Amino acid sequence: MDIQTLTSFFMWCTIINIGFLLFLALVYLLIPNLTYRLQSKFIPISRETFDIVFYSFIGVFKVLVLVFFAIPWIVLLIIG
């Protein structure tokens, strides 16, 4: 596997994951009540706890995308 293939792989991983992150953020911003109602059918949880869990998930997901996809892509661009 050459450096161009790895660079392309990490670029697309970053784009897809950031797109998914934006989708989650938009869903939570535009239809938070529907999101809460759908999830509370599966797991009985209070609204305040749901808000904290969802916000924390988005934050952790963002950090993971940066660490495992965006930073390796930038490094490959620099050394390539």
N, C-alpha and C. Protein backbone atom coordinates (compact mmCIF):
# COMPACT_ATOMS: atom_id res chain seq x y z
N MET A 1 0.85 -1.17 0.00
CA MET A 1 0.00 0.00 0.00
C MET A 1 0.90 1.24 0.00
N ASP A 2 0.66 2.12 -0.93
CA ASP A 2 1.51 3.31 -1.03
C ASP A 2 0.89 4.49 -0.29
N ILE A 3 1.64 5.57 -0.20
CA ILE A 3 1.23 6.73 0.58
C ILE A 3 0.02 7.43 -0.03
N GLN A 4 -0.11 7.39 -1.35
CA GLN A 4 -1.26 8.01 -2.00
C GLN A 4 -2.56 7.29 -1.65
N THR A 5 -2.50 5.98 -1.59
CA THR A 5 -3.68 5.20 -1.23
C THR A 5 -4.09 5.47 0.22
N LEU A 6 -3.11 5.52 1.11
CA LEU A 6 -3.41 5.83 2.51
C LEU A 6 -3.97 7.23 2.66
N THR A 7 -3.39 8.18 1.94
CA THR A 7 -3.89 9.55 2.00
C THR A 7 -5.33 9.63 1.53
N SER A 8 -5.63 8.96 0.44
CA SER A 8 -6.99 8.94 -0.07
C SER A 8 -7.95 8.25 0.91
N PHE A 9 -7.50 7.15 1.50
CA PHE A 9 -8.32 6.43 2.47
C PHE A 9 -8.68 7.33 3.66
N PHE A 10 -7.67 7.97 4.24
CA PHE A 10 -7.93 8.82 5.41
C PHE A 10 -8.73 10.07 5.05
N MET A 11 -8.56 10.57 3.82
CA MET A 11 -9.36 11.71 3.39
C MET A 11 -10.84 11.34 3.35
N TRP A 12 -11.16 10.20 2.72
CA TRP A 12 -12.56 9.80 2.63
C TRP A 12 -13.14 9.41 3.98
N CYS A 13 -12.34 8.78 4.82
CA CYS A 13 -12.81 8.47 6.18
C CYS A 13 -13.15 9.75 6.93
N THR A 14 -12.31 10.75 6.80
CA THR A 14 -12.55 12.03 7.47
C THR A 14 -13.81 12.70 6.94
N ILE A 15 -13.96 12.72 5.63
CA ILE A 15 -15.14 13.36 5.03
C ILE A 15 -16.43 12.66 5.45
N ILE A 16 -16.44 11.35 5.40
CA ILE A 16 -17.65 10.59 5.76
C ILE A 16 -17.98 10.76 7.24
N ASN A 17 -16.97 10.69 8.09
CA ASN A 17 -17.23 10.82 9.53
C ASN A 17 -17.64 12.23 9.91
N ILE A 18 -17.07 13.24 9.30
CA ILE A 18 -17.49 14.61 9.59
C ILE A 18 -18.91 14.84 9.07
N GLY A 19 -19.24 14.25 7.93
CA GLY A 19 -20.61 14.32 7.43
C GLY A 19 -21.60 13.69 8.40
N PHE A 20 -21.23 12.54 8.94
CA PHE A 20 -22.09 11.88 9.92
C PHE A 20 -22.21 12.72 11.20
N LEU A 21 -21.12 13.33 11.61
CA LEU A 21 -21.13 14.20 12.79
C LEU A 21 -22.05 15.40 12.56
N LEU A 22 -21.96 16.01 11.39
CA LEU A 22 -22.85 17.13 11.07
C LEU A 22 -24.31 16.69 11.01
N PHE A 23 -24.55 15.51 10.47
CA PHE A 23 -25.91 14.97 10.43
C PHE A 23 -26.48 14.81 11.84
N LEU A 24 -25.69 14.22 12.74
CA LEU A 24 -26.15 14.05 14.12
C LEU A 24 -26.42 15.38 14.79
N ALA A 25 -25.54 16.34 14.57
CA ALA A 25 -25.73 17.66 15.17
C ALA A 25 -26.99 18.33 14.63
N LEU A 26 -27.22 18.23 13.33
CA LEU A 26 -28.41 18.83 12.74
C LEU A 26 -29.68 18.15 13.22
N VAL A 27 -29.66 16.85 13.32
CA VAL A 27 -30.83 16.13 13.83
C VAL A 27 -31.14 16.59 15.25
N TYR A 28 -30.11 16.73 16.06
CA TYR A 28 -30.33 17.14 17.44
C TYR A 28 -30.78 18.59 17.53
N LEU A 29 -30.28 19.44 16.64
CA LEU A 29 -30.68 20.85 16.68
C LEU A 29 -32.07 21.07 16.09
N LEU A 30 -32.42 20.34 15.04
CA LEU A 30 -33.68 20.60 14.35
C LEU A 30 -34.87 19.83 14.93
N ILE A 31 -34.64 18.60 15.37
CA ILE A 31 -35.76 17.81 15.90
C ILE A 31 -35.37 17.12 17.22
N PRO A 32 -35.05 17.90 18.24
CA PRO A 32 -34.62 17.27 19.49
C PRO A 32 -35.74 16.50 20.20
N ASN A 33 -36.96 16.98 20.11
CA ASN A 33 -38.06 16.28 20.79
C ASN A 33 -38.34 14.92 20.16
N LEU A 34 -38.31 14.85 18.83
CA LEU A 34 -38.51 13.59 18.15
C LEU A 34 -37.39 12.61 18.48
N THR A 35 -36.17 13.12 18.50
CA THR A 35 -35.02 12.28 18.85
C THR A 35 -35.18 11.72 20.26
N TYR A 36 -35.58 12.56 21.18
CA TYR A 36 -35.77 12.11 22.57
C TYR A 36 -36.89 11.09 22.67
N ARG A 37 -38.01 11.35 22.00
CA ARG A 37 -39.15 10.42 22.07
C ARG A 37 -38.79 9.05 21.50
N LEU A 38 -38.07 9.04 20.37
CA LEU A 38 -37.69 7.76 19.77
C LEU A 38 -36.75 6.98 20.68
N GLN A 39 -35.78 7.65 21.27
CA GLN A 39 -34.83 6.95 22.11
C GLN A 39 -35.42 6.54 23.45
N SER A 40 -36.33 7.36 23.98
CA SER A 40 -36.90 7.03 25.28
C SER A 40 -37.85 5.83 25.21
N LYS A 41 -38.26 5.45 24.01
CA LYS A 41 -39.07 4.23 23.88
C LYS A 41 -38.23 2.98 24.14
N PHE A 42 -36.94 3.05 23.80
CA PHE A 42 -36.05 1.91 23.99
C PHE A 42 -35.40 1.91 25.37
N ILE A 43 -35.01 3.09 25.83
CA ILE A 43 -34.32 3.21 27.12
C ILE A 43 -35.03 4.30 27.92
N PRO A 44 -35.64 3.94 29.04
CA PRO A 44 -36.29 4.97 29.85
C PRO A 44 -35.24 5.90 30.48
N ILE A 45 -35.25 7.14 30.06
CA ILE A 45 -34.24 8.10 30.49
C ILE A 45 -34.89 9.48 30.58
N SER A 46 -34.44 10.29 31.51
CA SER A 46 -35.00 11.62 31.64
C SER A 46 -34.45 12.52 30.52
N ARG A 47 -35.15 13.61 30.26
CA ARG A 47 -34.74 14.52 29.19
C ARG A 47 -33.38 15.16 29.48
N GLU A 48 -33.14 15.54 30.73
CA GLU A 48 -31.87 16.16 31.09
C GLU A 48 -30.70 15.20 30.88
N THR A 49 -30.90 13.95 31.29
CA THR A 49 -29.86 12.94 31.11
C THR A 49 -29.63 12.66 29.64
N PHE A 50 -30.70 12.61 28.86
CA PHE A 50 -30.57 12.39 27.42
C PHE A 50 -29.77 13.50 26.77
N ASP A 51 -30.04 14.75 27.14
CA ASP A 51 -29.29 15.87 26.59
C ASP A 51 -27.81 15.76 26.90
N ILE A 52 -27.48 15.40 28.12
CA ILE A 52 -26.07 15.26 28.52
C ILE A 52 -25.41 14.12 27.76
N VAL A 53 -26.09 12.98 27.67
CA VAL A 53 -25.53 11.82 26.98
C VAL A 53 -25.32 12.13 25.49
N PHE A 54 -26.29 12.75 24.85
CA PHE A 54 -26.18 13.03 23.42
C PHE A 54 -25.08 14.05 23.15
N TYR A 55 -25.02 15.09 23.96
CA TYR A 55 -23.98 16.11 23.80
C TYR A 55 -22.60 15.50 24.04
N SER A 56 -22.49 14.64 25.05
CA SER A 56 -21.22 13.96 25.32
C SER A 56 -20.82 13.05 24.18
N PHE A 57 -21.78 12.33 23.61
CA PHE A 57 -21.50 11.44 22.49
C PHE A 57 -20.96 12.23 21.30
N ILE A 58 -21.59 13.35 20.99
CA ILE A 58 -21.12 14.17 19.88
C ILE A 58 -19.70 14.67 20.14
N GLY A 59 -19.41 15.08 21.37
CA GLY A 59 -18.07 15.54 21.71
C GLY A 59 -17.02 14.45 21.60
N VAL A 60 -17.32 13.28 22.13
CA VAL A 60 -16.37 12.16 22.07
C VAL A 60 -16.17 11.72 20.63
N PHE A 61 -17.25 11.66 19.85
CA PHE A 61 -17.15 11.27 18.45
C PHE A 61 -16.28 12.25 17.68
N LYS A 62 -16.44 13.54 17.97
CA LYS A 62 -15.64 14.56 17.30
C LYS A 62 -14.15 14.38 17.60
N VAL A 63 -13.82 14.13 18.85
CA VAL A 63 -12.42 13.92 19.23
C VAL A 63 -11.87 12.67 18.55
N LEU A 64 -12.64 11.60 18.53
CA LEU A 64 -12.18 10.36 17.90
C LEU A 64 -11.96 10.53 16.39
N VAL A 65 -12.84 11.27 15.73
CA VAL A 65 -12.66 11.52 14.30
C VAL A 65 -11.39 12.33 14.07
N LEU A 66 -11.15 13.32 14.90
CA LEU A 66 -9.93 14.12 14.75
C LEU A 66 -8.68 13.29 14.98
N VAL A 67 -8.68 12.51 16.03
CA VAL A 67 -7.47 11.75 16.40
C VAL A 67 -7.19 10.62 15.42
N PHE A 68 -8.22 9.88 15.02
CA PHE A 68 -8.00 8.68 14.23
C PHE A 68 -8.12 8.87 12.72
N PHE A 69 -8.68 9.98 12.26
CA PHE A 69 -8.84 10.16 10.82
C PHE A 69 -8.26 11.47 10.31
N ALA A 70 -8.64 12.59 10.91
CA ALA A 70 -8.21 13.89 10.38
C ALA A 70 -6.72 14.13 10.57
N ILE A 71 -6.20 13.87 11.75
CA ILE A 71 -4.78 14.10 12.00
C ILE A 71 -3.90 13.17 11.17
N PRO A 72 -4.18 11.87 11.07
CA PRO A 72 -3.37 11.04 10.17
C PRO A 72 -3.43 11.50 8.71
N TRP A 73 -4.59 11.98 8.27
CA TRP A 73 -4.70 12.49 6.91
C TRP A 73 -3.81 13.72 6.71
N ILE A 74 -3.83 14.62 7.66
CA ILE A 74 -3.00 15.83 7.57
C ILE A 74 -1.52 15.45 7.59
N VAL A 75 -1.17 14.52 8.45
CA VAL A 75 0.24 14.08 8.51
C VAL A 75 0.67 13.46 7.17
N LEU A 76 -0.20 12.64 6.60
CA LEU A 76 0.13 12.04 5.30
C LEU A 76 0.24 13.09 4.20
N LEU A 77 -0.57 14.12 4.27
CA LEU A 77 -0.45 15.21 3.31
C LEU A 77 0.88 15.93 3.47
N ILE A 78 1.32 16.12 4.70
CA ILE A 78 2.59 16.82 4.96
C ILE A 78 3.78 15.99 4.48
N ILE A 79 3.78 14.70 4.81
CA ILE A 79 4.95 13.89 4.43
C ILE A 79 4.90 13.41 3.00
N GLY A 80 3.72 13.50 2.36
CA GLY A 80 3.58 13.03 0.99
C GLY A 80 4.07 14.05 0.05
